[in-house]
Protein backbone atom coordinates (compact mmCIF):
# COMPACT_ATOMS: atom_id res chain seq x y z
CA MET A 1 -13.21 -35.72 58.99
CA LYS A 2 -10.00 -37.05 58.96
CA ARG A 3 -6.95 -35.26 56.87
CA PRO A 4 -5.92 -37.48 54.51
CA GLY A 5 -2.30 -39.04 54.42
CA PRO A 6 0.76 -37.99 52.50
CA VAL A 7 0.13 -40.39 50.11
CA VAL A 8 -3.12 -39.05 48.88
CA TYR A 9 -1.81 -35.47 48.92
CA LEU A 10 1.14 -37.03 46.41
CA PHE A 11 -1.40 -38.75 44.28
CA GLY A 12 -4.22 -36.28 44.30
CA ASN A 13 -2.86 -33.17 43.41
CA PRO A 14 -3.55 -32.03 39.93
CA LEU A 15 -0.30 -31.84 38.24
CA SER A 16 -0.03 -35.77 39.56
CA VAL A 17 -3.10 -36.53 37.96
CA LEU A 18 -2.91 -34.95 34.81
CA ALA A 19 0.68 -36.25 34.79
CA LEU A 20 -0.57 -39.86 35.13
CA ALA A 21 -3.77 -39.35 32.67
CA ILE A 22 -1.34 -38.35 29.87
CA LEU A 23 1.21 -41.28 30.70
CA THR A 24 -1.74 -43.58 30.92
CA ALA A 25 -3.21 -42.37 27.56
CA TYR A 26 0.19 -43.08 25.87
CA LEU A 27 0.97 -46.01 27.63
CA ILE A 28 -2.13 -47.47 26.41
CA TYR A 29 -1.77 -46.25 22.72
CA VAL A 30 1.52 -47.80 22.82
CA TRP A 31 0.14 -51.29 23.86
CA TRP A 32 -2.07 -50.38 21.39
CA ALA A 33 0.26 -50.01 18.62
CA MET A 34 1.17 -53.47 19.70
CA GLN A 35 5.01 -51.81 20.67
CA GLY A 36 4.62 -51.98 24.42
CA SER A 37 3.82 -54.25 27.33
CA GLY A 38 0.12 -54.73 28.24
CA THR A 39 0.96 -55.06 31.85
CA LEU A 40 2.93 -51.57 32.25
CA ALA A 41 -0.45 -50.04 30.59
CA PHE A 42 -2.69 -51.95 32.97
CA VAL A 43 -0.21 -50.78 36.11
CA ALA A 44 -0.60 -47.29 34.51
CA LEU A 45 -4.34 -47.41 34.34
CA LEU A 46 -4.61 -48.81 38.04
CA THR A 47 -2.11 -45.93 39.43
CA ALA A 48 -4.46 -43.20 37.62
CA SER A 49 -7.33 -44.23 38.67
CA TYR A 50 -6.25 -44.17 42.31
CA ALA A 51 -4.92 -40.85 41.19
CA PHE A 52 -8.38 -39.50 40.52
CA LYS A 53 -9.62 -41.15 43.53
CA ALA A 54 -7.12 -39.75 45.58
CA SER A 55 -8.22 -35.98 43.98
CA ASP A 56 -11.83 -36.90 44.89
CA GLN A 57 -10.83 -37.35 48.80
CA LEU A 58 -8.66 -34.20 48.57
CA THR A 59 -11.81 -31.92 47.28
CA LYS A 60 -13.68 -33.35 49.45
CA PHE A 61 -11.66 -32.83 52.80
CA SER A 62 -11.09 -29.49 51.45
CA ARG A 63 -14.85 -28.48 50.91
CA TRP A 64 -15.34 -29.97 54.22
CA LYS A 65 -12.54 -28.06 55.88
CA ARG A 66 -14.24 -25.00 54.51
CA GLU A 67 -17.46 -25.57 55.68
CA TRP A 68 -16.07 -25.86 59.23
CA GLN A 69 -14.19 -23.06 59.22
CA ALA A 70 -17.06 -21.04 57.91
CA MET A 71 -19.21 -22.74 60.90
CA GLU A 72 -16.62 -20.91 63.04
CA GLY A 73 -17.25 -17.61 61.46
CA SER A 74 -14.38 -17.06 59.57
CA ALA A 75 -14.61 -16.08 55.82
CA PRO A 76 -14.29 -19.10 53.66
CA GLY A 77 -10.97 -18.39 51.35
CA ALA A 78 -11.05 -17.77 48.07
CA SER A 79 -11.35 -20.81 45.83
CA LEU A 80 -10.25 -21.15 41.99
CA ARG A 81 -12.48 -24.32 41.61
CA ARG A 82 -14.88 -22.17 40.07
CA PHE A 83 -12.21 -21.73 37.44
CA VAL A 84 -10.91 -25.05 36.78
CA PRO A 85 -12.76 -27.48 35.09
CA SER A 86 -13.50 -30.63 36.92
CA TRP A 87 -11.80 -34.02 36.60
CA ARG A 88 -14.87 -35.66 34.99
CA VAL A 89 -14.61 -32.79 31.97
CA LEU A 90 -10.75 -32.97 31.64
CA GLY A 91 -10.60 -36.87 31.51
CA GLY A 92 -13.93 -36.78 28.91
CA VAL A 93 -11.87 -34.34 26.63
CA VAL A 94 -8.68 -36.54 27.22
CA GLY A 95 -11.04 -39.57 26.36
CA LEU A 96 -12.18 -38.20 22.60
CA GLY A 97 -9.15 -36.72 22.00
CA GLY A 98 -7.69 -40.29 22.08
CA GLY A 99 -10.73 -41.88 20.75
CA GLY A 100 -10.72 -39.65 17.88
CA PHE A 101 -6.98 -40.13 17.36
CA LEU A 102 -7.62 -43.75 17.27
CA LEU A 103 -10.05 -43.18 14.89
CA LEU A 104 -7.95 -41.82 12.28
CA ALA A 105 -4.90 -43.89 13.03
CA ALA A 106 -7.30 -46.90 12.91
CA PRO A 107 -6.00 -49.48 9.79
CA LYS A 108 -8.86 -50.29 7.73
CA THR A 109 -8.76 -54.12 8.49
CA PRO A 110 -11.49 -56.04 10.19
CA ASP A 111 -9.76 -55.59 13.71
CA GLY A 112 -9.27 -51.96 12.96
CA ASN A 113 -13.28 -51.59 12.18
CA ILE A 114 -13.71 -53.22 15.33
CA ALA A 115 -11.44 -50.88 17.12
CA SER A 116 -13.31 -47.87 15.65
CA GLY A 117 -16.83 -49.72 16.18
CA VAL A 118 -15.94 -49.91 20.02
CA VAL A 119 -14.63 -46.05 19.93
CA VAL A 120 -17.70 -45.03 18.59
CA LEU A 121 -20.06 -47.03 20.79
CA ALA A 122 -18.39 -45.81 23.90
CA VAL A 123 -18.54 -42.26 22.95
CA LEU A 124 -22.13 -42.60 22.31
CA ILE A 125 -22.65 -44.20 25.68
CA GLY A 126 -20.79 -41.66 27.04
CA ILE A 127 -23.06 -38.88 25.43
CA VAL A 128 -26.34 -40.58 26.37
CA GLY A 129 -25.04 -40.99 30.19
CA ILE A 130 -24.16 -37.17 30.06
CA LEU A 131 -27.58 -36.43 28.89
CA PHE A 132 -29.09 -38.97 31.03
CA ARG A 133 -27.67 -37.33 34.46
CA ARG A 134 -28.40 -33.65 33.07
CA SER A 135 -32.16 -34.29 32.71
CA CYS A 136 -32.35 -35.67 36.34
CA GLN A 137 -30.06 -33.57 37.96
CA GLY A 138 -32.89 -30.78 38.40
CA ARG A 139 -34.88 -33.23 40.61
CA PRO A 140 -34.31 -34.05 44.20
CA ARG A 141 -34.11 -36.91 45.71
CA ARG A 142 -36.56 -37.86 47.97
CA GLY A 143 -35.67 -37.05 51.73
CA GLU A 144 -32.84 -34.89 50.49
CA ALA A 145 -34.41 -31.99 49.44
CA ALA A 146 -35.55 -31.16 53.35
CA SER A 147 -32.23 -31.96 54.89
CA ARG A 148 -30.62 -29.86 52.25
CA ASP A 149 -32.82 -26.47 51.95
CA VAL A 150 -33.21 -26.42 55.79
CA VAL A 151 -30.81 -25.94 58.64
CA VAL A 152 -32.77 -26.80 61.11
CA THR A 153 -34.98 -29.30 60.90
CA VAL A 154 -36.30 -29.70 64.45
CA CYS A 155 -37.58 -27.02 66.33
CA VAL A 156 -38.61 -27.34 70.22
CA VAL A 157 -40.40 -24.86 71.93
CA MET A 158 -38.82 -23.47 74.69
CA PRO A 159 -41.36 -22.86 77.55
CA ARG A 160 -41.60 -19.46 78.84
CA GLN A 161 -41.92 -20.30 82.25
CA LYS A 162 -40.35 -23.26 84.26
CA SER A 163 -43.14 -25.81 84.69
CA ALA A 164 -43.80 -28.11 88.10
CA LEU A 165 -42.21 -31.36 88.84
CA ALA A 166 -45.90 -32.52 89.16
CA TYR A 167 -46.73 -30.87 85.67
CA ALA A 168 -43.69 -32.31 84.15
CA TYR A 169 -44.45 -36.06 85.59
CA ALA A 170 -48.17 -35.72 84.16
CA ALA A 171 -46.82 -34.77 80.74
CA LEU A 172 -44.91 -38.12 80.83
CA PRO A 173 -46.08 -41.23 79.00
CA GLU A 174 -48.10 -43.88 80.86
CA TYR A 175 -44.77 -46.40 80.34
CA CYS A 176 -42.35 -43.76 81.67
CA ALA A 177 -44.62 -42.61 84.87
CA ALA A 178 -44.90 -46.56 85.54
CA LEU A 179 -41.33 -46.59 86.06
CA ILE A 180 -40.91 -43.74 87.86
CA ASN A 181 -43.71 -44.45 90.19
CA TRP A 182 -42.38 -48.35 91.18
């Protein structure tokens, strides 16, 4: 696997992702409150989405590198991944906090009621999606379980002694024998 570039390291490290997520949430709030630029909020949203993608690339690379080093026989290094919640969980917490703030700050006008309804609908869709993913998580997909559970999928029996050349030729299919005996 190819090592990610310096831009991916810059945007994909946890501090950059967290800072961009907070900045994006703030700029969206400022835009929603009709005080800021929508273009700036959109650019911040695009940058934050790139940062999340870069973080995923870094995670995949570090996981691959750890597995590669484990194949060499060296012990894999200790990972803090077990103790750090995933970016999806952090994004969900930030999203729920922002949605709750928008619900509390929404004016009691028809437009505010529409915005509140959209936030509640998004939360409900997110909860249903999480429950659906959790219910399907235990079931392996077809073909995936065999390749994931078994390290060696093809086992060829090695003969105990060398066979004669004539015996090897006799074991060939007819179309191969026809090509050899031309």
